[in-house]
């Protein structure tokens, strides 16, 4: 993903050059999603009260979408801020 330096420009996928469906800046970093399904996956992960640990020694587990989320999104202490940014979308 390529995030623009100018806030008025759209971020794009680095491989396909398509505009991201959601781009929202928080005090920790950017929250972005390719489409509604991706956004819903992020929302469900962030609001989950209990998350099972990922066994980092298994290569296949390290490559999941959820495992590759930025650490600040994965921290429960940032849950409210992430949900506040993504909830304005009426389809969620």
C-alpha atoms as a PDB file:
ATOM      1  CA  UNK A   1       0.000   0.000   0.000  1.00  0.00           C
ATOM      2  CA  UNK A   2       1.178   3.473  -0.794  1.00  0.00           C
ATOM      3  CA  UNK A   3      -0.048   6.228   1.482  1.00  0.00           C
ATOM      4  CA  UNK A   4       0.187   9.702  -0.028  1.00  0.00           C
ATOM      5  CA  UNK A   5       2.003  12.534   1.686  1.00  0.00           C
ATOM      6  CA  UNK A   6      -0.852  14.897   0.837  1.00  0.00           C
ATOM      7  CA  UNK A   7      -3.959  14.096   2.923  1.00  0.00           C
ATOM      8  CA  UNK A   8      -6.203  15.084   0.018  1.00  0.00           C
ATOM      9  CA  UNK A   9      -4.789  12.384  -2.271  1.00  0.00           C
ATOM     10  CA  UNK A  10      -6.013   8.789  -2.184  1.00  0.00           C
ATOM     11  CA  UNK A  11      -3.889   5.862  -1.044  1.00  0.00           C
ATOM     12  CA  UNK A  12      -3.550   3.078  -3.584  1.00  0.00           C
ATOM     13  CA  UNK A  13      -2.742  -0.614  -3.690  1.00  0.00           C
ATOM     14  CA  UNK A  14       0.916  -0.996  -4.739  1.00  0.00           C
ATOM     15  CA  UNK A  15       0.261  -3.915  -7.102  1.00  0.00           C
ATOM     16  CA  UNK A  16      -2.977  -2.956  -8.821  1.00  0.00           C
ATOM     17  CA  UNK A  17      -2.975   0.816  -8.376  1.00  0.00           C
ATOM     18  CA  UNK A  18      -6.610   0.869  -7.235  1.00  0.00           C
ATOM     19  CA  UNK A  19      -7.841   3.310  -4.605  1.00  0.00           C
ATOM     20  CA  UNK A  20      -8.386   1.871  -1.137  1.00  0.00           C
ATOM     21  CA  UNK A  21     -12.021   1.623  -0.021  1.00  0.00           C
ATOM     22  CA  UNK A  22     -11.318   3.122   3.417  1.00  0.00           C
ATOM     23  CA  UNK A  23      -8.492   5.369   4.538  1.00  0.00           C
ATOM     24  CA  UNK A  24      -8.629   6.920   7.993  1.00  0.00           C
ATOM     25  CA  UNK A  25      -5.860   8.488  10.034  1.00  0.00           C
ATOM     26  CA  UNK A  26      -5.633   8.033  13.798  1.00  0.00           C
ATOM     27  CA  UNK A  27      -3.072   9.319  16.272  1.00  0.00           C
ATOM     28  CA  UNK A  28      -1.283   5.943  16.019  1.00  0.00           C
ATOM     29  CA  UNK A  29      -1.318   5.483  12.260  1.00  0.00           C
ATOM     30  CA  UNK A  30      -3.578   4.743   9.315  1.00  0.00           C
ATOM     31  CA  UNK A  31      -6.502   2.319   9.243  1.00  0.00           C
ATOM     32  CA  UNK A  32      -7.249   1.188   5.720  1.00  0.00           C
ATOM     33  CA  UNK A  33      -9.327  -1.493   4.029  1.00  0.00           C
ATOM     34  CA  UNK A  34      -9.563  -2.798   0.485  1.00  0.00           C
ATOM     35  CA  UNK A  35     -13.307  -3.426   0.629  1.00  0.00           C
ATOM     36  CA  UNK A  36     -16.272  -3.917   2.959  1.00  0.00           C
ATOM     37  CA  UNK A  37     -15.319  -7.532   3.749  1.00  0.00           C
ATOM     38  CA  UNK A  38     -11.797  -6.488   4.749  1.00  0.00           C
ATOM     39  CA  UNK A  39     -13.211  -3.718   6.937  1.00  0.00           C
ATOM     40  CA  UNK A  40     -15.644  -6.142   8.575  1.00  0.00           C
ATOM     41  CA  UNK A  41     -12.797  -8.556   9.341  1.00  0.00           C
ATOM     42  CA  UNK A  42     -10.839  -5.759  11.037  1.00  0.00           C
ATOM     43  CA  UNK A  43     -13.929  -4.660  12.988  1.00  0.00           C
ATOM     44  CA  UNK A  44     -14.688  -8.200  14.208  1.00  0.00           C
ATOM     45  CA  UNK A  45     -11.084  -8.748  15.291  1.00  0.00           C
ATOM     46  CA  UNK A  46     -10.786  -5.411  17.109  1.00  0.00           C
ATOM     47  CA  UNK A  47     -14.053  -5.736  19.026  1.00  0.00           C
ATOM     48  CA  UNK A  48     -13.497  -9.390  20.012  1.00  0.00           C
ATOM     49  CA  UNK A  49     -13.262  -9.626  23.810  1.00  0.00           C
ATOM     50  CA  UNK A  50     -10.948 -12.645  23.689  1.00  0.00           C
ATOM     51  CA  UNK A  51      -8.304 -13.255  21.048  1.00  0.00           C
ATOM     52  CA  UNK A  52      -6.389 -16.474  20.845  1.00  0.00           C
ATOM     53  CA  UNK A  53      -2.629 -16.159  20.650  1.00  0.00           C
ATOM     54  CA  UNK A  54      -0.975 -16.772  17.320  1.00  0.00           C
ATOM     55  CA  UNK A  55       1.723 -19.465  17.407  1.00  0.00           C
ATOM     56  CA  UNK A  56       4.466 -17.429  15.719  1.00  0.00           C
ATOM     57  CA  UNK A  57       6.590 -20.503  15.047  1.00  0.00           C
ATOM     58  CA  UNK A  58       4.092 -21.658  12.410  1.00  0.00           C
ATOM     59  CA  UNK A  59       4.854 -19.881   9.151  1.00  0.00           C
ATOM     60  CA  UNK A  60       1.315 -20.240   7.795  1.00  0.00           C
ATOM     61  CA  UNK A  61      -0.122 -18.420  10.842  1.00  0.00           C
ATOM     62  CA  UNK A  62       2.230 -15.443  10.420  1.00  0.00           C
ATOM     63  CA  UNK A  63       0.780 -14.766   6.987  1.00  0.00           C
ATOM     64  CA  UNK A  64      -2.880 -14.340   7.968  1.00  0.00           C
ATOM     65  CA  UNK A  65      -4.538 -10.955   7.424  1.00  0.00           C
ATOM     66  CA  UNK A  66      -5.196 -10.523  11.149  1.00  0.00           C
ATOM     67  CA  UNK A  67      -1.642 -11.489  12.134  1.00  0.00           C
ATOM     68  CA  UNK A  68      -0.295  -8.845   9.758  1.00  0.00           C
ATOM     69  CA  UNK A  69      -2.308  -5.974  11.237  1.00  0.00           C
ATOM     70  CA  UNK A  70      -0.139  -3.268  12.794  1.00  0.00           C
ATOM     71  CA  UNK A  71       0.602  -3.912  16.471  1.00  0.00           C
ATOM     72  CA  UNK A  72      -1.215  -0.750  17.574  1.00  0.00           C
ATOM     73  CA  UNK A  73      -4.448  -2.037  15.971  1.00  0.00           C
ATOM     74  CA  UNK A  74      -4.016  -5.381  17.732  1.00  0.00           C
ATOM     75  CA  UNK A  75      -3.651  -3.802  21.192  1.00  0.00           C
ATOM     76  CA  UNK A  76      -6.888  -3.818  23.173  1.00  0.00           C
ATOM     77  CA  UNK A  77      -6.080  -0.390  24.624  1.00  0.00           C
ATOM     78  CA  UNK A  78      -6.648   1.120  21.144  1.00  0.00           C
ATOM     79  CA  UNK A  79      -9.940  -0.703  20.553  1.00  0.00           C
ATOM     80  CA  UNK A  80     -12.202   2.321  21.052  1.00  0.00           C
ATOM     81  CA  UNK A  81     -10.178   4.547  18.754  1.00  0.00           C
ATOM     82  CA  UNK A  82     -10.076   2.014  15.907  1.00  0.00           C
ATOM     83  CA  UNK A  83     -13.797   1.271  16.205  1.00  0.00           C
ATOM     84  CA  UNK A  84     -14.617   4.981  16.295  1.00  0.00           C
ATOM     85  CA  UNK A  85     -12.797   5.449  12.971  1.00  0.00           C
ATOM     86  CA  UNK A  86     -14.450   2.525  11.177  1.00  0.00           C
ATOM     87  CA  UNK A  87     -17.991   2.677  12.620  1.00  0.00           C
ATOM     88  CA  UNK A  88     -19.218   5.679  10.583  1.00  0.00           C
ATOM     89  CA  UNK A  89     -19.598   3.317   7.662  1.00  0.00           C
ATOM     90  CA  UNK A  90     -23.317   2.457   7.472  1.00  0.00           C
ATOM     91  CA  UNK A  91     -22.845  -1.079   6.167  1.00  0.00           C
ATOM     92  CA  UNK A  92     -21.088  -2.295   9.322  1.00  0.00           C
END
